[in-house]
Amino acid sequence: MEETEKPIEGLTFREAMAELERTVSALEGNTLELEESLARYERGVALVRALRGRLDGAQQRIEVLMGELDASQDDEAHDATLS
């Protein structure tokens, strides 16, 4: 594990994904000591949670935007029929 690890909240989505991929690769390599494996695994779980939270947040934002788009299209359709 890197000595100067950034806090997960300070990582971009891409950085967090890259770190998670490195973590998985290191764990699959089966070359780490038990303590290091546990530390990497814990960090990996935290990365997964953070990434999932960001994806969920992005999905909610998209749903809100799509709802606003649908509402404005409905308004335009209603306005067209009133003319």
N, C-alpha and C. Protein backbone atom coordinates (compact mmCIF):
# COMPACT_ATOMS: atom_id res chain seq x y z
N MET A 1 0.85 -1.17 0.00
CA MET A 1 0.00 0.00 0.00
C MET A 1 0.89 1.23 0.00
N GLU A 2 0.49 2.28 -0.69
CA GLU A 2 1.28 3.49 -0.78
C GLU A 2 1.29 4.21 0.56
N GLU A 3 2.46 4.75 0.93
CA GLU A 3 2.59 5.49 2.17
C GLU A 3 1.80 6.79 2.13
N THR A 4 1.72 7.43 0.97
CA THR A 4 1.05 8.72 0.84
C THR A 4 -0.30 8.55 0.15
N GLU A 5 -1.07 7.60 0.63
CA GLU A 5 -2.40 7.34 0.06
C GLU A 5 -3.30 8.55 0.25
N LYS A 6 -3.96 8.94 -0.81
CA LYS A 6 -4.94 10.02 -0.73
C LYS A 6 -6.19 9.50 -0.02
N PRO A 7 -6.88 10.38 0.68
CA PRO A 7 -8.20 9.97 1.20
C PRO A 7 -9.11 9.65 0.02
N ILE A 8 -9.94 8.68 0.20
CA ILE A 8 -10.81 8.24 -0.90
C ILE A 8 -11.69 9.38 -1.41
N GLU A 9 -12.15 10.24 -0.49
CA GLU A 9 -13.00 11.36 -0.90
C GLU A 9 -12.25 12.33 -1.81
N GLY A 10 -10.93 12.32 -1.74
CA GLY A 10 -10.13 13.22 -2.57
C GLY A 10 -9.78 12.68 -3.94
N LEU A 11 -10.15 11.43 -4.18
CA LEU A 11 -9.86 10.80 -5.48
C LEU A 11 -10.97 11.10 -6.48
N THR A 12 -10.59 11.26 -7.73
CA THR A 12 -11.60 11.33 -8.77
C THR A 12 -12.15 9.93 -8.99
N PHE A 13 -13.24 9.83 -9.70
CA PHE A 13 -13.82 8.52 -9.98
C PHE A 13 -12.80 7.65 -10.70
N ARG A 14 -12.13 8.22 -11.68
CA ARG A 14 -11.15 7.48 -12.47
C ARG A 14 -9.97 7.01 -11.60
N GLU A 15 -9.50 7.89 -10.72
CA GLU A 15 -8.40 7.52 -9.82
C GLU A 15 -8.81 6.39 -8.88
N ALA A 16 -10.03 6.48 -8.36
CA ALA A 16 -10.53 5.44 -7.46
C ALA A 16 -10.65 4.10 -8.18
N MET A 17 -11.15 4.14 -9.41
CA MET A 17 -11.26 2.91 -10.19
C MET A 17 -9.88 2.30 -10.46
N ALA A 18 -8.92 3.15 -10.82
CA ALA A 18 -7.57 2.66 -11.10
C ALA A 18 -6.95 2.05 -9.84
N GLU A 19 -7.15 2.70 -8.70
CA GLU A 19 -6.61 2.14 -7.46
C GLU A 19 -7.28 0.81 -7.13
N LEU A 20 -8.58 0.73 -7.34
CA LEU A 20 -9.30 -0.52 -7.08
C LEU A 20 -8.77 -1.63 -7.99
N GLU A 21 -8.53 -1.33 -9.24
CA GLU A 21 -7.99 -2.33 -10.17
C GLU A 21 -6.60 -2.79 -9.73
N ARG A 22 -5.76 -1.85 -9.28
CA ARG A 22 -4.43 -2.22 -8.77
C ARG A 22 -4.55 -3.09 -7.53
N THR A 23 -5.50 -2.75 -6.67
CA THR A 23 -5.70 -3.51 -5.44
C THR A 23 -6.12 -4.94 -5.75
N VAL A 24 -7.08 -5.08 -6.65
CA VAL A 24 -7.54 -6.42 -7.03
C VAL A 24 -6.40 -7.22 -7.64
N SER A 25 -5.63 -6.59 -8.49
CA SER A 25 -4.49 -7.26 -9.11
C SER A 25 -3.48 -7.72 -8.07
N ALA A 26 -3.19 -6.85 -7.11
CA ALA A 26 -2.23 -7.20 -6.06
C ALA A 26 -2.76 -8.35 -5.21
N LEU A 27 -4.04 -8.32 -4.89
CA LEU A 27 -4.62 -9.40 -4.08
C LEU A 27 -4.65 -10.71 -4.85
N GLU A 28 -4.95 -10.65 -6.13
CA GLU A 28 -4.97 -11.87 -6.95
C GLU A 28 -3.57 -12.43 -7.15
N GLY A 29 -2.56 -11.56 -7.09
CA GLY A 29 -1.18 -11.99 -7.28
C GLY A 29 -0.67 -12.88 -6.15
N ASN A 30 -1.35 -12.85 -5.02
CA ASN A 30 -1.05 -13.73 -3.90
C ASN A 30 0.41 -13.60 -3.44
N THR A 31 0.97 -12.39 -3.51
CA THR A 31 2.36 -12.18 -3.10
C THR A 31 2.46 -11.32 -1.85
N LEU A 32 1.34 -10.81 -1.36
CA LEU A 32 1.34 -9.92 -0.21
C LEU A 32 1.32 -10.71 1.08
N GLU A 33 1.88 -10.12 2.12
CA GLU A 33 1.77 -10.70 3.46
C GLU A 33 0.33 -10.56 3.92
N LEU A 34 -0.06 -11.34 4.90
CA LEU A 34 -1.43 -11.35 5.40
C LEU A 34 -1.88 -9.95 5.82
N GLU A 35 -1.05 -9.26 6.59
CA GLU A 35 -1.42 -7.93 7.08
C GLU A 35 -1.64 -6.95 5.93
N GLU A 36 -0.76 -7.00 4.96
CA GLU A 36 -0.89 -6.12 3.79
C GLU A 36 -2.14 -6.49 2.99
N SER A 37 -2.41 -7.77 2.86
CA SER A 37 -3.61 -8.22 2.14
C SER A 37 -4.87 -7.69 2.82
N LEU A 38 -4.91 -7.79 4.14
CA LEU A 38 -6.08 -7.29 4.87
C LEU A 38 -6.23 -5.79 4.71
N ALA A 39 -5.13 -5.06 4.80
CA ALA A 39 -5.19 -3.60 4.64
C ALA A 39 -5.66 -3.24 3.24
N ARG A 40 -5.14 -3.92 2.24
CA ARG A 40 -5.56 -3.65 0.85
C ARG A 40 -7.03 -4.00 0.65
N TYR A 41 -7.45 -5.14 1.23
CA TYR A 41 -8.83 -5.56 1.10
C TYR A 41 -9.77 -4.52 1.73
N GLU A 42 -9.42 -4.04 2.91
CA GLU A 42 -10.25 -3.03 3.57
C GLU A 42 -10.33 -1.75 2.73
N ARG A 43 -9.22 -1.33 2.19
CA ARG A 43 -9.21 -0.14 1.34
C ARG A 43 -10.05 -0.40 0.09
N GLY A 44 -9.94 -1.60 -0.47
CA GLY A 44 -10.73 -1.95 -1.65
C GLY A 44 -12.22 -1.90 -1.38
N VAL A 45 -12.63 -2.40 -0.22
CA VAL A 45 -14.05 -2.35 0.15
C VAL A 45 -14.51 -0.91 0.27
N ALA A 46 -13.68 -0.07 0.88
CA ALA A 46 -14.02 1.35 1.01
C ALA A 46 -14.11 2.01 -0.37
N LEU A 47 -13.21 1.64 -1.27
CA LEU A 47 -13.26 2.18 -2.63
C LEU A 47 -14.55 1.76 -3.33
N VAL A 48 -14.91 0.50 -3.20
CA VAL A 48 -16.14 0.00 -3.84
C VAL A 48 -17.35 0.77 -3.31
N ARG A 49 -17.41 0.94 -1.99
CA ARG A 49 -18.54 1.69 -1.41
C ARG A 49 -18.61 3.11 -1.95
N ALA A 50 -17.46 3.77 -1.99
CA ALA A 50 -17.42 5.15 -2.48
C ALA A 50 -17.82 5.23 -3.95
N LEU A 51 -17.29 4.32 -4.75
CA LEU A 51 -17.62 4.31 -6.17
C LEU A 51 -19.11 4.03 -6.39
N ARG A 52 -19.64 3.08 -5.65
CA ARG A 52 -21.07 2.75 -5.77
C ARG A 52 -21.92 3.96 -5.38
N GLY A 53 -21.51 4.65 -4.32
CA GLY A 53 -22.24 5.86 -3.90
C GLY A 53 -22.22 6.93 -4.97
N ARG A 54 -21.06 7.10 -5.61
CA ARG A 54 -20.97 8.11 -6.67
C ARG A 54 -21.83 7.72 -7.87
N LEU A 55 -21.83 6.44 -8.21
CA LEU A 55 -22.66 5.98 -9.33
C LEU A 55 -24.14 6.14 -9.02
N ASP A 56 -24.53 5.80 -7.79
CA ASP A 56 -25.92 5.98 -7.39
C ASP A 56 -26.33 7.45 -7.46
N GLY A 57 -25.44 8.33 -6.99
CA GLY A 57 -25.71 9.76 -7.04
C GLY A 57 -25.85 10.26 -8.47
N ALA A 58 -24.97 9.78 -9.34
CA ALA A 58 -25.04 10.17 -10.74
C ALA A 58 -26.34 9.67 -11.38
N GLN A 59 -26.73 8.45 -11.05
CA GLN A 59 -27.97 7.90 -11.60
C GLN A 59 -29.18 8.71 -11.15
N GLN A 60 -29.18 9.10 -9.88
CA GLN A 60 -30.29 9.93 -9.38
C GLN A 60 -30.34 11.27 -10.09
N ARG A 61 -29.18 11.87 -10.31
CA ARG A 61 -29.15 13.15 -11.02
C ARG A 61 -29.68 13.01 -12.44
N ILE A 62 -29.30 11.91 -13.10
CA ILE A 62 -29.78 11.67 -14.46
C ILE A 62 -31.29 11.47 -14.47
N GLU A 63 -31.81 10.73 -13.49
CA GLU A 63 -33.26 10.52 -13.43
C GLU A 63 -34.00 11.83 -13.21
N VAL A 64 -33.44 12.70 -12.36
CA VAL A 64 -34.06 14.01 -12.14
C VAL A 64 -34.05 14.82 -13.43
N LEU A 65 -32.91 14.84 -14.11
CA LEU A 65 -32.81 15.59 -15.36
C LEU A 65 -33.75 15.03 -16.42
N MET A 66 -33.85 13.71 -16.50
CA MET A 66 -34.76 13.09 -17.48
C MET A 66 -36.20 13.43 -17.13
N GLY A 67 -36.52 13.45 -15.83
CA GLY A 67 -37.87 13.82 -15.41
C GLY A 67 -38.18 15.26 -15.79
N GLU A 68 -37.20 16.15 -15.62
CA GLU A 68 -37.40 17.55 -16.01
C GLU A 68 -37.56 17.67 -17.51
N LEU A 69 -36.80 16.88 -18.26
CA LEU A 69 -36.91 16.91 -19.72
C LEU A 69 -38.29 16.41 -20.16
N ASP A 70 -38.74 15.32 -19.56
CA ASP A 70 -40.06 14.79 -19.89
C ASP A 70 -41.15 15.78 -19.54
N ALA A 71 -41.01 16.45 -18.39
CA ALA A 71 -42.02 17.43 -17.97
C ALA A 71 -42.06 18.60 -18.93
N SER A 72 -40.91 19.06 -19.39
CA SER A 72 -40.91 20.20 -20.32
C SER A 72 -41.47 19.78 -21.68
N GLN A 73 -41.23 18.54 -22.08
CA GLN A 73 -41.81 18.07 -23.35
C GLN A 73 -43.32 17.94 -23.23
N ASP A 74 -43.81 17.50 -22.07
CA ASP A 74 -45.25 17.42 -21.85
C ASP A 74 -45.87 18.81 -21.89
N ASP A 75 -45.19 19.79 -21.28
CA ASP A 75 -45.68 21.16 -21.30
C ASP A 75 -45.77 21.70 -22.71
N GLU A 76 -44.74 21.41 -23.52
CA GLU A 76 -44.73 21.87 -24.91
C GLU A 76 -45.88 21.23 -25.69
N ALA A 77 -46.15 19.96 -25.44
CA ALA A 77 -47.23 19.27 -26.12
C ALA A 77 -48.58 19.88 -25.75
N HIS A 78 -48.74 20.21 -24.47
CA HIS A 78 -49.99 20.81 -24.03
C HIS A 78 -50.14 22.21 -24.60
N ASP A 79 -49.08 22.97 -24.65
CA ASP A 79 -49.15 24.32 -25.22
C ASP A 79 -49.49 24.27 -26.70
N ALA A 80 -49.01 23.28 -27.42
CA ALA A 80 -49.27 23.18 -28.85
C ALA A 80 -50.74 22.89 -29.11
N THR A 81 -51.37 22.13 -28.25
CA THR A 81 -52.78 21.79 -28.47
C THR A 81 -53.70 22.94 -28.11
N LEU A 82 -53.22 23.88 -27.30
CA LEU A 82 -54.06 25.01 -26.92
C LEU A 82 -54.06 26.10 -27.97
N SER A 83 -53.11 26.10 -28.89
CA SER A 83 -53.00 27.19 -29.87
C SER A 83 -54.05 27.13 -30.94
